[in-house]
Amino acid sequence: MTNLVDRPSLGRGDRRRAQLVQAGVELLCEGGWPAVTTRAVAARANTNPGVIHYHFGGLPGLHCAVAHQTCELVISPLVTMFLDAPDTRTALRTMRDALPQTASDDHAMHLAVELIAGATRDSTLGSALGAKLKEVRTEIADHVRIRHPDWTRRRAAGMATLIIAFMDGLVLHHSV
């Protein structure tokens, strides 16, 4: 029988997991996906590689967690700007005005590029990015429907897709 007293508490395990993901994000920003190895992440987090296998089931699971956190860091601030604005026109203007600053943030831009590059090379990372983008589109579409209750779900979903494309395009144009 397992001695439950000697097992780490849920809070401690969650903190360790978050620490490992943060170490992975830092390494991703510094050296791209090739830098995010079990040994490098474990060294950065001052632990042993076995902890990564315990929390993530290995490197692919760690990469997915890092990709998810990277999505949160890169995408969520822009989505929050949109959702917090009083109306759609103001939201788009606010995002447009904020993007030059976002695009000049080397850290965020490097993470965005690595996220896309990783998604094109690894189907698991591509699925993680796709799931996050779908979640964001749904969130924006729901918000658009609240602002325009007479719109169909399809029309709101189409507008959400255009808003995401608007964000992508502005980031691209401001980063080059």
N, C-alpha and C. Protein backbone atom coordinates (compact mmCIF):
# COMPACT_ATOMS: atom_id res chain seq x y z
N MET A 1 0.84 -1.18 0.00
CA MET A 1 0.00 0.00 0.00
C MET A 1 0.88 1.24 0.00
N THR A 2 0.49 2.26 -0.75
CA THR A 2 1.27 3.49 -0.86
C THR A 2 1.09 4.33 0.39
N ASN A 3 2.18 4.91 0.86
CA ASN A 3 2.14 5.79 2.01
C ASN A 3 1.79 7.19 1.52
N LEU A 4 0.54 7.61 1.68
CA LEU A 4 0.08 8.89 1.16
C LEU A 4 0.68 10.08 1.90
N VAL A 5 1.16 9.86 3.11
CA VAL A 5 1.77 10.95 3.88
C VAL A 5 3.05 11.43 3.20
N ASP A 6 3.79 10.53 2.57
CA ASP A 6 5.06 10.90 1.96
C ASP A 6 4.91 11.48 0.55
N ARG A 7 3.70 11.49 0.00
CA ARG A 7 3.50 12.02 -1.35
C ARG A 7 3.39 13.54 -1.29
N PRO A 8 3.86 14.22 -2.34
CA PRO A 8 3.76 15.68 -2.33
C PRO A 8 2.31 16.12 -2.37
N SER A 9 2.04 17.24 -1.72
CA SER A 9 0.68 17.77 -1.73
C SER A 9 0.35 18.28 -3.12
N LEU A 10 -0.94 18.39 -3.38
CA LEU A 10 -1.39 18.84 -4.69
C LEU A 10 -0.83 20.23 -5.00
N GLY A 11 -0.86 21.13 -4.03
CA GLY A 11 -0.34 22.48 -4.24
C GLY A 11 1.13 22.47 -4.59
N ARG A 12 1.89 21.67 -3.90
CA ARG A 12 3.33 21.58 -4.17
C ARG A 12 3.59 21.01 -5.56
N GLY A 13 2.83 19.98 -5.93
CA GLY A 13 2.96 19.40 -7.26
C GLY A 13 2.60 20.39 -8.36
N ASP A 14 1.54 21.17 -8.11
CA ASP A 14 1.14 22.20 -9.08
C ASP A 14 2.21 23.27 -9.23
N ARG A 15 2.80 23.65 -8.10
CA ARG A 15 3.88 24.65 -8.15
C ARG A 15 5.08 24.12 -8.92
N ARG A 16 5.44 22.87 -8.70
CA ARG A 16 6.58 22.28 -9.40
C ARG A 16 6.28 22.20 -10.90
N ARG A 17 5.09 21.79 -11.23
CA ARG A 17 4.69 21.71 -12.64
C ARG A 17 4.77 23.09 -13.30
N ALA A 18 4.25 24.10 -12.63
CA ALA A 18 4.31 25.47 -13.16
C ALA A 18 5.76 25.94 -13.30
N GLN A 19 6.60 25.57 -12.36
CA GLN A 19 8.02 25.92 -12.41
C GLN A 19 8.69 25.27 -13.63
N LEU A 20 8.37 24.03 -13.89
CA LEU A 20 8.94 23.33 -15.05
C LEU A 20 8.47 23.96 -16.36
N VAL A 21 7.19 24.30 -16.42
CA VAL A 21 6.66 24.93 -17.63
C VAL A 21 7.33 26.29 -17.84
N GLN A 22 7.48 27.06 -16.77
CA GLN A 22 8.13 28.37 -16.88
C GLN A 22 9.57 28.21 -17.36
N ALA A 23 10.27 27.23 -16.84
CA ALA A 23 11.64 26.97 -17.30
C ALA A 23 11.63 26.62 -18.79
N GLY A 24 10.65 25.84 -19.22
CA GLY A 24 10.53 25.49 -20.63
C GLY A 24 10.27 26.70 -21.51
N VAL A 25 9.41 27.61 -21.04
CA VAL A 25 9.11 28.83 -21.80
C VAL A 25 10.36 29.69 -21.92
N GLU A 26 11.11 29.82 -20.83
CA GLU A 26 12.35 30.60 -20.86
C GLU A 26 13.34 30.02 -21.87
N LEU A 27 13.49 28.71 -21.83
CA LEU A 27 14.41 28.05 -22.77
C LEU A 27 13.92 28.18 -24.21
N LEU A 28 12.62 28.10 -24.41
CA LEU A 28 12.05 28.27 -25.74
C LEU A 28 12.39 29.65 -26.29
N CYS A 29 12.27 30.65 -25.46
CA CYS A 29 12.57 32.01 -25.89
C CYS A 29 14.06 32.19 -26.18
N GLU A 30 14.89 31.54 -25.40
CA GLU A 30 16.34 31.69 -25.56
C GLU A 30 16.90 30.90 -26.74
N GLY A 31 16.38 29.70 -26.98
CA GLY A 31 17.01 28.85 -27.99
C GLY A 31 16.08 28.07 -28.88
N GLY A 32 14.80 28.37 -28.84
CA GLY A 32 13.84 27.65 -29.68
C GLY A 32 13.53 26.27 -29.11
N TRP A 33 12.73 25.52 -29.85
CA TRP A 33 12.32 24.19 -29.40
C TRP A 33 13.49 23.24 -29.16
N PRO A 34 14.57 23.30 -29.94
CA PRO A 34 15.69 22.39 -29.65
C PRO A 34 16.29 22.59 -28.26
N ALA A 35 16.12 23.78 -27.69
CA ALA A 35 16.66 24.05 -26.35
C ALA A 35 15.78 23.49 -25.24
N VAL A 36 14.54 23.14 -25.56
CA VAL A 36 13.61 22.65 -24.54
C VAL A 36 13.74 21.13 -24.45
N THR A 37 14.74 20.69 -23.71
CA THR A 37 14.98 19.27 -23.48
C THR A 37 14.68 18.94 -22.03
N THR A 38 14.50 17.66 -21.73
CA THR A 38 14.22 17.29 -20.34
C THR A 38 15.38 17.69 -19.44
N ARG A 39 16.59 17.47 -19.90
CA ARG A 39 17.76 17.81 -19.07
C ARG A 39 17.88 19.32 -18.85
N ALA A 40 17.68 20.10 -19.92
CA ALA A 40 17.82 21.55 -19.79
C ALA A 40 16.72 22.13 -18.89
N VAL A 41 15.49 21.66 -19.07
CA VAL A 41 14.40 22.15 -18.23
C VAL A 41 14.62 21.74 -16.78
N ALA A 42 15.03 20.50 -16.56
CA ALA A 42 15.29 20.04 -15.20
C ALA A 42 16.41 20.86 -14.56
N ALA A 43 17.47 21.13 -15.31
CA ALA A 43 18.57 21.93 -14.78
C ALA A 43 18.10 23.34 -14.44
N ARG A 44 17.32 23.94 -15.33
CA ARG A 44 16.82 25.30 -15.09
C ARG A 44 15.92 25.35 -13.86
N ALA A 45 15.17 24.28 -13.64
CA ALA A 45 14.23 24.22 -12.51
C ALA A 45 14.86 23.62 -11.26
N ASN A 46 16.15 23.33 -11.32
CA ASN A 46 16.87 22.73 -10.18
C ASN A 46 16.21 21.45 -9.68
N THR A 47 15.94 20.55 -10.62
CA THR A 47 15.37 19.26 -10.26
C THR A 47 15.98 18.19 -11.17
N ASN A 48 15.50 16.97 -11.07
CA ASN A 48 16.04 15.93 -11.94
C ASN A 48 15.06 15.63 -13.07
N PRO A 49 15.55 15.10 -14.18
CA PRO A 49 14.70 14.85 -15.35
C PRO A 49 13.52 13.92 -15.08
N GLY A 50 13.64 13.06 -14.10
CA GLY A 50 12.54 12.15 -13.77
C GLY A 50 11.27 12.89 -13.36
N VAL A 51 11.43 14.07 -12.79
CA VAL A 51 10.27 14.86 -12.37
C VAL A 51 9.45 15.28 -13.60
N ILE A 52 10.13 15.53 -14.70
CA ILE A 52 9.43 15.90 -15.94
C ILE A 52 8.60 14.72 -16.43
N HIS A 53 9.16 13.54 -16.36
CA HIS A 53 8.40 12.34 -16.77
C HIS A 53 7.22 12.11 -15.83
N TYR A 54 7.41 12.39 -14.55
CA TYR A 54 6.34 12.23 -13.57
C TYR A 54 5.18 13.18 -13.88
N HIS A 55 5.49 14.45 -14.14
CA HIS A 55 4.45 15.45 -14.35
C HIS A 55 3.86 15.48 -15.75
N PHE A 56 4.67 15.17 -16.76
CA PHE A 56 4.24 15.34 -18.15
C PHE A 56 4.27 14.07 -18.98
N GLY A 57 4.79 12.99 -18.44
CA GLY A 57 4.88 11.75 -19.20
C GLY A 57 6.00 11.74 -20.22
N GLY A 58 6.88 12.72 -20.15
CA GLY A 58 8.02 12.80 -21.06
C GLY A 58 8.07 14.13 -21.79
N LEU A 59 9.00 14.21 -22.72
CA LEU A 59 9.25 15.44 -23.46
C LEU A 59 8.05 15.92 -24.28
N PRO A 60 7.34 15.04 -25.00
CA PRO A 60 6.19 15.53 -25.77
C PRO A 60 5.13 16.20 -24.89
N GLY A 61 4.87 15.64 -23.73
CA GLY A 61 3.91 16.25 -22.80
C GLY A 61 4.40 17.59 -22.29
N LEU A 62 5.69 17.67 -22.00
CA LEU A 62 6.28 18.95 -21.57
C LEU A 62 6.15 19.98 -22.69
N HIS A 63 6.47 19.58 -23.92
CA HIS A 63 6.37 20.51 -25.05
C HIS A 63 4.93 21.03 -25.19
N CYS A 64 3.95 20.16 -25.02
CA CYS A 64 2.55 20.60 -25.11
C CYS A 64 2.22 21.61 -24.02
N ALA A 65 2.68 21.35 -22.81
CA ALA A 65 2.43 22.28 -21.71
C ALA A 65 3.12 23.62 -21.96
N VAL A 66 4.33 23.59 -22.49
CA VAL A 66 5.06 24.82 -22.81
C VAL A 66 4.33 25.56 -23.94
N ALA A 67 3.86 24.84 -24.94
CA ALA A 67 3.12 25.47 -26.04
C ALA A 67 1.85 26.12 -25.52
N HIS A 68 1.14 25.44 -24.64
CA HIS A 68 -0.09 26.00 -24.08
C HIS A 68 0.21 27.28 -23.30
N GLN A 69 1.23 27.26 -22.47
CA GLN A 69 1.60 28.45 -21.69
C GLN A 69 2.06 29.57 -22.61
N THR A 70 2.78 29.23 -23.66
CA THR A 70 3.24 30.23 -24.62
C THR A 70 2.05 30.88 -25.31
N CYS A 71 1.06 30.07 -25.67
CA CYS A 71 -0.18 30.63 -26.25
C CYS A 71 -0.81 31.63 -25.29
N GLU A 72 -0.87 31.26 -24.03
CA GLU A 72 -1.45 32.16 -23.02
C GLU A 72 -0.68 33.48 -22.97
N LEU A 73 0.64 33.41 -22.99
CA LEU A 73 1.47 34.61 -22.89
C LEU A 73 1.35 35.50 -24.13
N VAL A 74 1.24 34.88 -25.29
CA VAL A 74 1.26 35.64 -26.54
C VAL A 74 -0.14 36.09 -26.97
N ILE A 75 -1.11 35.22 -26.86
CA ILE A 75 -2.44 35.48 -27.41
C ILE A 75 -3.38 36.15 -26.40
N SER A 76 -3.35 35.70 -25.16
CA SER A 76 -4.33 36.16 -24.18
C SER A 76 -4.35 37.67 -23.95
N PRO A 77 -3.21 38.37 -23.92
CA PRO A 77 -3.30 39.83 -23.72
C PRO A 77 -4.12 40.54 -24.80
N LEU A 78 -3.98 40.12 -26.04
CA LEU A 78 -4.74 40.74 -27.12
C LEU A 78 -6.22 40.40 -27.02
N VAL A 79 -6.50 39.16 -26.67
CA VAL A 79 -7.90 38.74 -26.53
C VAL A 79 -8.55 39.50 -25.37
N THR A 80 -7.82 39.67 -24.29
CA THR A 80 -8.35 40.42 -23.14
C THR A 80 -8.67 41.85 -23.53
N MET A 81 -7.79 42.47 -24.34
CA MET A 81 -8.07 43.83 -24.82
C MET A 81 -9.39 43.86 -25.58
N PHE A 82 -9.59 42.88 -26.43
CA PHE A 82 -10.83 42.82 -27.21
C PHE A 82 -12.04 42.65 -26.30
N LEU A 83 -11.96 41.71 -25.39
CA LEU A 83 -13.11 41.40 -24.54
C LEU A 83 -13.43 42.52 -23.56
N ASP A 84 -12.42 43.28 -23.14
CA ASP A 84 -12.64 44.35 -22.16
C ASP A 84 -13.14 45.65 -22.77
N ALA A 85 -13.06 45.79 -24.08
CA ALA A 85 -13.50 47.03 -24.74
C ALA A 85 -15.03 47.13 -24.71
N PRO A 86 -15.55 48.35 -24.67
CA PRO A 86 -17.00 48.52 -24.57
C PRO A 86 -17.79 48.13 -25.83
N ASP A 87 -17.13 48.18 -26.99
CA ASP A 87 -17.80 47.79 -28.22
C ASP A 87 -16.76 47.26 -29.21
N THR A 88 -17.24 46.65 -30.28
CA THR A 88 -16.35 45.99 -31.24
C THR A 88 -15.42 46.99 -31.92
N ARG A 89 -15.93 48.13 -32.32
CA ARG A 89 -15.11 49.14 -33.00
C ARG A 89 -13.97 49.62 -32.08
N THR A 90 -14.30 49.90 -30.84
CA THR A 90 -13.28 50.32 -29.88
C THR A 90 -12.28 49.19 -29.64
N ALA A 91 -12.77 47.97 -29.58
CA ALA A 91 -11.89 46.81 -29.37
C ALA A 91 -10.86 46.70 -30.48
N LEU A 92 -11.32 46.81 -31.72
CA LEU A 92 -10.40 46.70 -32.86
C LEU A 92 -9.40 47.86 -32.87
N ARG A 93 -9.87 49.04 -32.55
CA ARG A 93 -8.97 50.21 -32.49
C ARG A 93 -7.94 50.04 -31.37
N THR A 94 -8.37 49.55 -30.22
CA THR A 94 -7.47 49.33 -29.09
C THR A 94 -6.40 48.31 -29.44
N MET A 95 -6.83 47.22 -30.08
CA MET A 95 -5.86 46.19 -30.48
C MET A 95 -4.89 46.75 -31.52
N ARG A 96 -5.41 47.49 -32.49
CA ARG A 96 -4.55 48.08 -33.52
C ARG A 96 -3.51 49.00 -32.89
N ASP A 97 -3.93 49.81 -31.93
CA ASP A 97 -3.01 50.75 -31.29
C ASP A 97 -2.00 50.07 -30.38
N ALA A 98 -2.38 48.92 -29.82
CA ALA A 98 -1.48 48.20 -28.90
C ALA A 98 -0.47 47.33 -29.63
N LEU A 99 -0.77 46.95 -30.86
CA LEU A 99 0.09 46.00 -31.56
C LEU A 99 1.50 46.49 -31.85
N PRO A 100 1.73 47.76 -32.16
CA PRO A 100 3.13 48.17 -32.36
C PRO A 100 3.99 47.88 -31.13
N GLN A 101 3.43 48.12 -29.94
CA GLN A 101 4.18 47.83 -28.71
C GLN A 101 4.36 46.33 -28.55
N THR A 102 3.31 45.56 -28.83
CA THR A 102 3.40 44.11 -28.73
C THR A 102 4.43 43.57 -29.70
N ALA A 103 4.41 44.08 -30.93
CA ALA A 103 5.34 43.60 -31.96
C ALA A 103 6.78 44.00 -31.66
N SER A 104 6.96 45.06 -30.88
CA SER A 104 8.32 45.47 -30.54
C SER A 104 8.85 44.72 -29.32
N ASP A 105 8.02 43.91 -28.69
CA ASP A 105 8.44 43.09 -27.55
C ASP A 105 9.14 41.85 -28.10
N ASP A 106 10.47 41.89 -28.10
CA ASP A 106 11.25 40.78 -28.68
C ASP A 106 10.92 39.44 -28.05
N HIS A 107 10.72 39.44 -26.75
CA HIS A 107 10.39 38.21 -26.02
C HIS A 107 9.10 37.60 -26.57
N ALA A 108 8.04 38.40 -26.65
CA ALA A 108 6.75 37.90 -27.13
C ALA A 108 6.82 37.48 -28.59
N MET A 109 7.52 38.25 -29.40
CA MET A 109 7.61 37.93 -30.82
C MET A 109 8.41 36.64 -31.05
N HIS A 110 9.49 36.48 -30.29
CA HIS A 110 10.27 35.25 -30.43
C HIS A 110 9.43 34.03 -30.03
N LEU A 111 8.67 34.17 -28.96
CA LEU A 111 7.80 33.07 -28.54
C LEU A 111 6.74 32.77 -29.60
N ALA A 112 6.17 33.81 -30.19
CA ALA A 112 5.15 33.61 -31.23
C ALA A 112 5.73 32.87 -32.43
N VAL A 113 6.91 33.29 -32.85
CA VAL A 113 7.57 32.64 -33.99
C VAL A 113 7.87 31.18 -33.67
N GLU A 114 8.39 30.91 -32.49
CA GLU A 114 8.71 29.53 -32.10
C GLU A 114 7.45 28.68 -31.98
N LEU A 115 6.38 29.29 -31.51
CA LEU A 115 5.12 28.57 -31.39
C LEU A 115 4.63 28.12 -32.76
N ILE A 116 4.67 29.03 -33.72
CA ILE A 116 4.24 28.70 -35.08
C ILE A 116 5.19 27.70 -35.73
N ALA A 117 6.49 27.91 -35.56
CA ALA A 117 7.47 26.99 -36.14
C ALA A 117 7.30 25.59 -35.56
N GLY A 118 7.13 25.51 -34.26
CA GLY A 118 6.93 24.21 -33.62
C GLY A 118 5.66 23.53 -34.10
N ALA A 119 4.61 24.31 -34.30
CA ALA A 119 3.33 23.76 -34.75
C ALA A 119 3.42 23.19 -36.16
N THR A 120 4.29 23.77 -36.98
CA THR A 120 4.43 23.26 -38.35
C THR A 120 5.28 22.00 -38.41
N ARG A 121 6.15 21.81 -37.41
CA ARG A 121 7.04 20.64 -37.40
C ARG A 121 6.52 19.47 -36.58
N ASP A 122 5.68 19.75 -35.62
CA ASP A 122 5.23 18.71 -34.69
C ASP A 122 3.71 18.75 -34.62
N SER A 123 3.07 17.69 -35.05
CA SER A 123 1.60 17.67 -35.12
C SER A 123 0.97 17.83 -33.74
N THR A 124 1.64 17.36 -32.69
CA THR A 124 1.10 17.51 -31.35
C THR A 124 1.08 18.98 -30.95
N LEU A 125 2.16 19.70 -31.25
CA LEU A 125 2.20 21.13 -30.97
C LEU A 125 1.19 21.86 -31.85
N GLY A 126 1.06 21.41 -33.10
CA GLY A 126 0.07 22.00 -34.00
C GLY A 126 -1.33 21.83 -33.45
N SER A 127 -1.61 20.67 -32.90
CA SER A 127 -2.92 20.41 -32.30
C SER A 127 -3.15 21.30 -31.08
N ALA A 128 -2.10 21.49 -30.27
CA ALA A 128 -2.21 22.35 -29.09
C ALA A 128 -2.50 23.79 -29.51
N LEU A 129 -1.79 24.29 -30.51
CA LEU A 129 -2.02 25.65 -31.00
C LEU A 129 -3.41 25.75 -31.62
N GLY A 130 -3.78 24.77 -32.41
CA GLY A 130 -5.11 24.76 -33.03
C GLY A 130 -6.22 24.78 -31.99
N ALA A 131 -6.05 24.00 -30.92
CA ALA A 131 -7.05 23.96 -29.86
C ALA A 131 -7.16 25.32 -29.17
N LYS A 132 -6.02 25.96 -28.92
CA LYS A 132 -6.04 27.28 -28.28
C LYS A 132 -6.71 28.30 -29.19
N LEU A 133 -6.39 28.28 -30.47
CA LEU A 133 -7.00 29.23 -31.40
C LEU A 133 -8.51 29.00 -31.51
N LYS A 134 -8.92 27.74 -31.49
CA LYS A 134 -10.35 27.42 -31.53
C LYS A 134 -11.03 27.96 -30.27
N GLU A 135 -10.39 27.78 -29.13
CA GLU A 135 -10.92 28.29 -27.86
C GLU A 135 -11.08 29.81 -27.92
N VAL A 136 -10.06 30.49 -28.45
CA VAL A 136 -10.09 31.95 -28.55
C VAL A 136 -11.19 32.39 -29.52
N ARG A 137 -11.28 31.72 -30.67
CA ARG A 137 -12.33 32.07 -31.63
C ARG A 137 -13.72 31.91 -31.01
N THR A 138 -13.91 30.83 -30.26
CA THR A 138 -15.20 30.59 -29.61
C THR A 138 -15.48 31.68 -28.58
N GLU A 139 -14.47 32.04 -27.80
CA GLU A 139 -14.63 33.08 -26.79
C GLU A 139 -14.99 34.42 -27.44
N ILE A 140 -14.30 34.75 -28.52
CA ILE A 140 -14.58 36.01 -29.22
C ILE A 140 -15.95 35.95 -29.88
N ALA A 141 -16.29 34.82 -30.50
CA ALA A 141 -17.61 34.68 -31.14
C ALA A 141 -18.73 34.83 -30.11
N ASP A 142 -18.55 34.23 -28.94
CA ASP A 142 -19.57 34.37 -27.88
C ASP A 142 -19.72 35.83 -27.48
N HIS A 143 -18.61 36.52 -27.39
CA HIS A 143 -18.64 37.93 -27.01
C HIS A 143 -19.29 38.78 -28.11
N VAL A 144 -19.00 38.47 -29.35
CA VAL A 144 -19.62 39.18 -30.48
C VAL A 144 -21.14 38.95 -30.45
N ARG A 145 -21.56 37.75 -30.14
CA ARG A 145 -23.01 37.45 -30.07
C ARG A 145 -23.68 38.25 -28.96
N ILE A 146 -22.96 38.47 -27.87
CA ILE A 146 -23.53 39.30 -26.79
C ILE A 146 -23.70 40.74 -27.29
N ARG A 147 -22.72 41.22 -28.02
CA ARG A 147 -22.77 42.60 -28.54
C ARG A 147 -23.76 42.73 -29.70
N HIS A 148 -23.99 41.65 -30.42
CA HIS A 148 -24.89 41.64 -31.58
C HIS A 148 -25.84 40.44 -31.45
N PRO A 149 -26.83 40.53 -30.57
CA PRO A 149 -27.70 39.38 -30.32
C PRO A 149 -28.52 38.94 -31.53
N ASP A 150 -28.68 39.82 -32.50
CA ASP A 150 -29.45 39.46 -33.69
C ASP A 150 -28.62 38.66 -34.70
N TRP A 151 -27.32 38.57 -34.50
CA TRP A 151 -26.45 37.82 -35.42
C TRP A 151 -26.59 36.32 -35.18
N THR A 152 -26.45 35.55 -36.25
CA THR A 152 -26.45 34.10 -36.12
C THR A 152 -25.11 33.65 -35.55
N ARG A 153 -25.08 32.42 -35.05
CA ARG A 153 -23.82 31.87 -34.55
C ARG A 153 -22.77 31.83 -35.65
N ARG A 154 -23.20 31.49 -36.84
CA ARG A 154 -22.28 31.40 -37.98
C ARG A 154 -21.66 32.76 -38.30
N ARG A 155 -22.48 33.80 -38.28
CA ARG A 155 -21.97 35.14 -38.56
C ARG A 155 -20.99 35.59 -37.47
N ALA A 156 -21.33 35.32 -36.21
CA ALA A 156 -20.43 35.67 -35.10
C ALA A 156 -19.12 34.89 -35.20
N ALA A 157 -19.21 33.61 -35.57
CA ALA A 157 -17.99 32.79 -35.73
C ALA A 157 -17.14 33.33 -36.87
N GLY A 158 -17.78 33.76 -37.95
CA GLY A 158 -17.05 34.35 -39.07
C GLY A 158 -16.35 35.63 -38.65
N MET A 159 -17.04 36.46 -37.88
CA MET A 159 -16.43 37.70 -37.38
C MET A 159 -15.26 37.38 -36.46
N ALA A 160 -15.40 36.37 -35.63
CA ALA A 160 -14.30 35.98 -34.73
C ALA A 160 -13.09 35.55 -35.54
N THR A 161 -13.30 34.80 -36.60
CA THR A 161 -12.19 34.38 -37.47
C THR A 161 -11.51 35.59 -38.08
N LEU A 162 -12.30 36.57 -38.53
CA LEU A 162 -11.72 37.79 -39.10
C LEU A 162 -10.94 38.58 -38.05
N ILE A 163 -11.43 38.61 -36.83
CA ILE A 163 -10.73 39.34 -35.77
C ILE A 163 -9.39 38.68 -35.47
N ILE A 164 -9.37 37.35 -35.41
CA ILE A 164 -8.11 36.64 -35.19
C ILE A 164 -7.15 36.90 -36.35
N ALA A 165 -7.67 36.88 -37.57
CA ALA A 165 -6.83 37.16 -38.75
C ALA A 165 -6.31 38.60 -38.70
N PHE A 166 -7.14 39.51 -38.24
CA PHE A 166 -6.74 40.91 -38.07
C PHE A 166 -5.56 41.01 -37.10
N MET A 167 -5.66 40.31 -35.97
CA MET A 167 -4.56 40.30 -35.00
C MET A 167 -3.29 39.73 -35.62
N ASP A 168 -3.42 38.58 -36.27
CA ASP A 168 -2.26 37.94 -36.91
C ASP A 168 -1.61 38.87 -37.92
N GLY A 169 -2.43 39.48 -38.76
CA GLY A 169 -1.90 40.36 -39.80
C GLY A 169 -1.20 41.57 -39.23
N LEU A 170 -1.79 42.19 -38.22
CA LEU A 170 -1.16 43.36 -37.62
C LEU A 170 0.16 43.00 -36.94
N VAL A 171 0.18 41.87 -36.26
CA VAL A 171 1.44 41.44 -35.64
C VAL A 171 2.50 41.23 -36.71
N LEU A 172 2.14 40.56 -37.78
CA LEU A 172 3.09 40.31 -38.86
C LEU A 172 3.60 41.62 -39.46
N HIS A 173 2.72 42.55 -39.76
CA HIS A 173 3.13 43.80 -40.39
C HIS A 173 3.96 44.68 -39.46
N HIS A 174 3.69 44.63 -38.17
CA HIS A 174 4.47 45.44 -37.24
C HIS A 174 5.79 44.79 -36.87
N SER A 175 5.91 43.50 -37.11
CA SER A 175 7.15 42.81 -36.72
C SER A 175 8.19 42.79 -37.82
N VAL A 176 7.81 43.10 -39.03
CA VAL A 176 8.77 43.04 -40.14
C VAL A 176 9.30 44.42 -40.45
